[in-house]
Protein backbone atom coordinates (compact mmCIF):
# COMPACT_ATOMS: atom_id res chain seq x y z
CA UNK A 1 0.00 0.00 0.00
CA UNK A 2 2.94 2.31 0.66
CA UNK A 3 4.02 2.09 -2.99
CA UNK A 4 0.57 3.19 -4.12
CA UNK A 5 0.67 6.20 -1.76
CA UNK A 6 4.15 7.15 -2.97
CA UNK A 7 3.05 6.83 -6.60
CA UNK A 8 0.05 9.08 -5.93
CA UNK A 9 2.30 11.68 -4.25
CA UNK A 10 4.64 11.66 -7.25
CA UNK A 11 1.73 11.98 -9.66
CA UNK A 12 0.30 14.91 -7.67
CA UNK A 13 3.69 16.66 -7.60
CA UNK A 14 4.10 16.17 -11.34
CA UNK A 15 0.59 17.47 -11.94
CA UNK A 16 1.34 20.58 -9.86
CA UNK A 17 4.50 21.28 -11.87
CA UNK A 18 2.60 20.89 -15.15
CA UNK A 19 -0.19 23.16 -13.94
CA UNK A 20 2.33 25.76 -12.80
CA UNK A 21 4.07 25.66 -16.17
CA UNK A 22 0.83 25.87 -18.14
CA UNK A 23 -0.49 28.76 -16.06
CA UNK A 24 2.27 30.95 -17.52
CA UNK A 25 0.87 30.58 -21.05
CA UNK A 26 -2.60 32.07 -21.30
CA UNK A 27 -2.84 34.04 -24.54
CA UNK A 28 -4.08 32.41 -27.72
CA UNK A 29 -2.88 34.85 -30.35
CA UNK A 30 0.55 36.37 -30.78
CA UNK A 31 1.10 38.77 -33.64
CA UNK A 32 4.31 37.96 -35.47
CA UNK A 33 5.92 40.92 -37.20
CA UNK A 34 8.74 40.39 -39.68
CA UNK A 35 9.83 44.04 -39.56
CA UNK A 36 11.20 44.38 -36.03
CA UNK A 37 13.84 42.74 -33.89
CA UNK A 38 11.22 41.44 -31.46
CA UNK A 39 10.14 38.96 -34.13
CA UNK A 40 12.46 36.28 -32.84
CA UNK A 41 11.14 36.69 -29.29
CA UNK A 42 7.57 36.61 -30.57
CA UNK A 43 8.30 33.40 -32.48
CA UNK A 44 9.86 31.84 -29.38
CA UNK A 45 6.81 32.82 -27.33
CA UNK A 46 4.47 31.47 -30.01
CA UNK A 47 6.30 28.15 -30.08
CA UNK A 48 6.24 27.92 -26.28
CA UNK A 49 2.52 28.57 -26.26
CA UNK A 50 1.94 25.89 -28.90
CA UNK A 51 3.99 23.46 -26.83
CA UNK A 52 1.92 24.39 -23.76
CA UNK A 53 -1.29 23.70 -25.69
CA UNK A 54 0.07 20.32 -26.79
CA UNK A 55 1.00 19.55 -23.18
CA UNK A 56 -2.50 20.48 -22.04
CA UNK A 57 -4.00 18.16 -24.66
CA UNK A 58 -1.65 15.34 -23.65
CA UNK A 59 -2.54 15.86 -19.99
CA UNK A 60 -6.24 15.67 -20.83
CA UNK A 61 -5.63 12.42 -22.72
CA UNK A 62 -3.74 10.95 -19.78
CA UNK A 63 -6.48 12.06 -17.39
CA UNK A 64 -9.09 10.43 -19.62
CA UNK A 65 -7.08 7.20 -19.73
CA UNK A 66 -6.75 7.20 -15.95
CA UNK A 67 -10.49 7.73 -15.66
CA UNK A 68 -11.21 4.91 -18.11
CA UNK A 69 -8.85 2.58 -16.23
CA UNK A 70 -10.53 3.50 -12.96
CA UNK A 71 -13.93 2.48 -14.33
CA UNK A 72 -12.76 -1.08 -14.98
C-alpha atoms as a PDB file:
ATOM      1  CA  UNK A   1       0.000   0.000   0.000  1.00  0.00           C
ATOM      2  CA  UNK A   2       2.943   2.313   0.661  1.00  0.00           C
ATOM      3  CA  UNK A   3       4.025   2.087  -2.990  1.00  0.00           C
ATOM      4  CA  UNK A   4       0.566   3.192  -4.116  1.00  0.00           C
ATOM      5  CA  UNK A   5       0.666   6.196  -1.758  1.00  0.00           C
ATOM      6  CA  UNK A   6       4.147   7.150  -2.973  1.00  0.00           C
ATOM      7  CA  UNK A   7       3.049   6.832  -6.600  1.00  0.00           C
ATOM      8  CA  UNK A   8       0.051   9.082  -5.933  1.00  0.00           C
ATOM      9  CA  UNK A   9       2.301  11.675  -4.255  1.00  0.00           C
ATOM     10  CA  UNK A  10       4.642  11.656  -7.253  1.00  0.00           C
ATOM     11  CA  UNK A  11       1.726  11.984  -9.656  1.00  0.00           C
ATOM     12  CA  UNK A  12       0.305  14.910  -7.674  1.00  0.00           C
ATOM     13  CA  UNK A  13       3.690  16.662  -7.600  1.00  0.00           C
ATOM     14  CA  UNK A  14       4.095  16.172 -11.338  1.00  0.00           C
ATOM     15  CA  UNK A  15       0.586  17.472 -11.944  1.00  0.00           C
ATOM     16  CA  UNK A  16       1.342  20.579  -9.865  1.00  0.00           C
ATOM     17  CA  UNK A  17       4.502  21.281 -11.867  1.00  0.00           C
ATOM     18  CA  UNK A  18       2.604  20.894 -15.147  1.00  0.00           C
ATOM     19  CA  UNK A  19      -0.192  23.160 -13.941  1.00  0.00           C
ATOM     20  CA  UNK A  20       2.331  25.763 -12.797  1.00  0.00           C
ATOM     21  CA  UNK A  21       4.074  25.663 -16.173  1.00  0.00           C
ATOM     22  CA  UNK A  22       0.830  25.873 -18.140  1.00  0.00           C
ATOM     23  CA  UNK A  23      -0.486  28.763 -16.058  1.00  0.00           C
ATOM     24  CA  UNK A  24       2.272  30.949 -17.518  1.00  0.00           C
ATOM     25  CA  UNK A  25       0.867  30.578 -21.054  1.00  0.00           C
ATOM     26  CA  UNK A  26      -2.602  32.067 -21.300  1.00  0.00           C
ATOM     27  CA  UNK A  27      -2.844  34.041 -24.537  1.00  0.00           C
ATOM     28  CA  UNK A  28      -4.075  32.414 -27.722  1.00  0.00           C
ATOM     29  CA  UNK A  29      -2.876  34.852 -30.355  1.00  0.00           C
ATOM     30  CA  UNK A  30       0.551  36.366 -30.776  1.00  0.00           C
ATOM     31  CA  UNK A  31       1.096  38.772 -33.644  1.00  0.00           C
ATOM     32  CA  UNK A  32       4.313  37.957 -35.474  1.00  0.00           C
ATOM     33  CA  UNK A  33       5.922  40.916 -37.202  1.00  0.00           C
ATOM     34  CA  UNK A  34       8.744  40.393 -39.685  1.00  0.00           C
ATOM     35  CA  UNK A  35       9.834  44.044 -39.557  1.00  0.00           C
ATOM     36  CA  UNK A  36      11.195  44.379 -36.027  1.00  0.00           C
ATOM     37  CA  UNK A  37      13.843  42.740 -33.885  1.00  0.00           C
ATOM     38  CA  UNK A  38      11.217  41.445 -31.462  1.00  0.00           C
ATOM     39  CA  UNK A  39      10.141  38.964 -34.131  1.00  0.00           C
ATOM     40  CA  UNK A  40      12.464  36.275 -32.837  1.00  0.00           C
ATOM     41  CA  UNK A  41      11.143  36.694 -29.290  1.00  0.00           C
ATOM     42  CA  UNK A  42       7.574  36.607 -30.573  1.00  0.00           C
ATOM     43  CA  UNK A  43       8.304  33.402 -32.476  1.00  0.00           C
ATOM     44  CA  UNK A  44       9.855  31.835 -29.378  1.00  0.00           C
ATOM     45  CA  UNK A  45       6.809  32.816 -27.334  1.00  0.00           C
ATOM     46  CA  UNK A  46       4.472  31.474 -30.014  1.00  0.00           C
ATOM     47  CA  UNK A  47       6.298  28.146 -30.078  1.00  0.00           C
ATOM     48  CA  UNK A  48       6.242  27.924 -26.283  1.00  0.00           C
ATOM     49  CA  UNK A  49       2.518  28.571 -26.257  1.00  0.00           C
ATOM     50  CA  UNK A  50       1.944  25.894 -28.898  1.00  0.00           C
ATOM     51  CA  UNK A  51       3.991  23.456 -26.830  1.00  0.00           C
ATOM     52  CA  UNK A  52       1.925  24.394 -23.765  1.00  0.00           C
ATOM     53  CA  UNK A  53      -1.286  23.696 -25.691  1.00  0.00           C
ATOM     54  CA  UNK A  54       0.066  20.317 -26.786  1.00  0.00           C
ATOM     55  CA  UNK A  55       1.004  19.554 -23.179  1.00  0.00           C
ATOM     56  CA  UNK A  56      -2.504  20.480 -22.042  1.00  0.00           C
ATOM     57  CA  UNK A  57      -4.002  18.156 -24.662  1.00  0.00           C
ATOM     58  CA  UNK A  58      -1.654  15.340 -23.646  1.00  0.00           C
ATOM     59  CA  UNK A  59      -2.539  15.863 -19.985  1.00  0.00           C
ATOM     60  CA  UNK A  60      -6.242  15.669 -20.833  1.00  0.00           C
ATOM     61  CA  UNK A  61      -5.629  12.420 -22.724  1.00  0.00           C
ATOM     62  CA  UNK A  62      -3.744  10.946 -19.783  1.00  0.00           C
ATOM     63  CA  UNK A  63      -6.484  12.059 -17.387  1.00  0.00           C
ATOM     64  CA  UNK A  64      -9.089  10.428 -19.622  1.00  0.00           C
ATOM     65  CA  UNK A  65      -7.079   7.201 -19.735  1.00  0.00           C
ATOM     66  CA  UNK A  66      -6.748   7.201 -15.947  1.00  0.00           C
ATOM     67  CA  UNK A  67     -10.488   7.731 -15.662  1.00  0.00           C
ATOM     68  CA  UNK A  68     -11.208   4.906 -18.109  1.00  0.00           C
ATOM     69  CA  UNK A  69      -8.845   2.581 -16.228  1.00  0.00           C
ATOM     70  CA  UNK A  70     -10.525   3.497 -12.965  1.00  0.00           C
ATOM     71  CA  UNK A  71     -13.926   2.482 -14.331  1.00  0.00           C
ATOM     72  CA  UNK A  72     -12.761  -1.082 -14.980  1.00  0.00           C
END
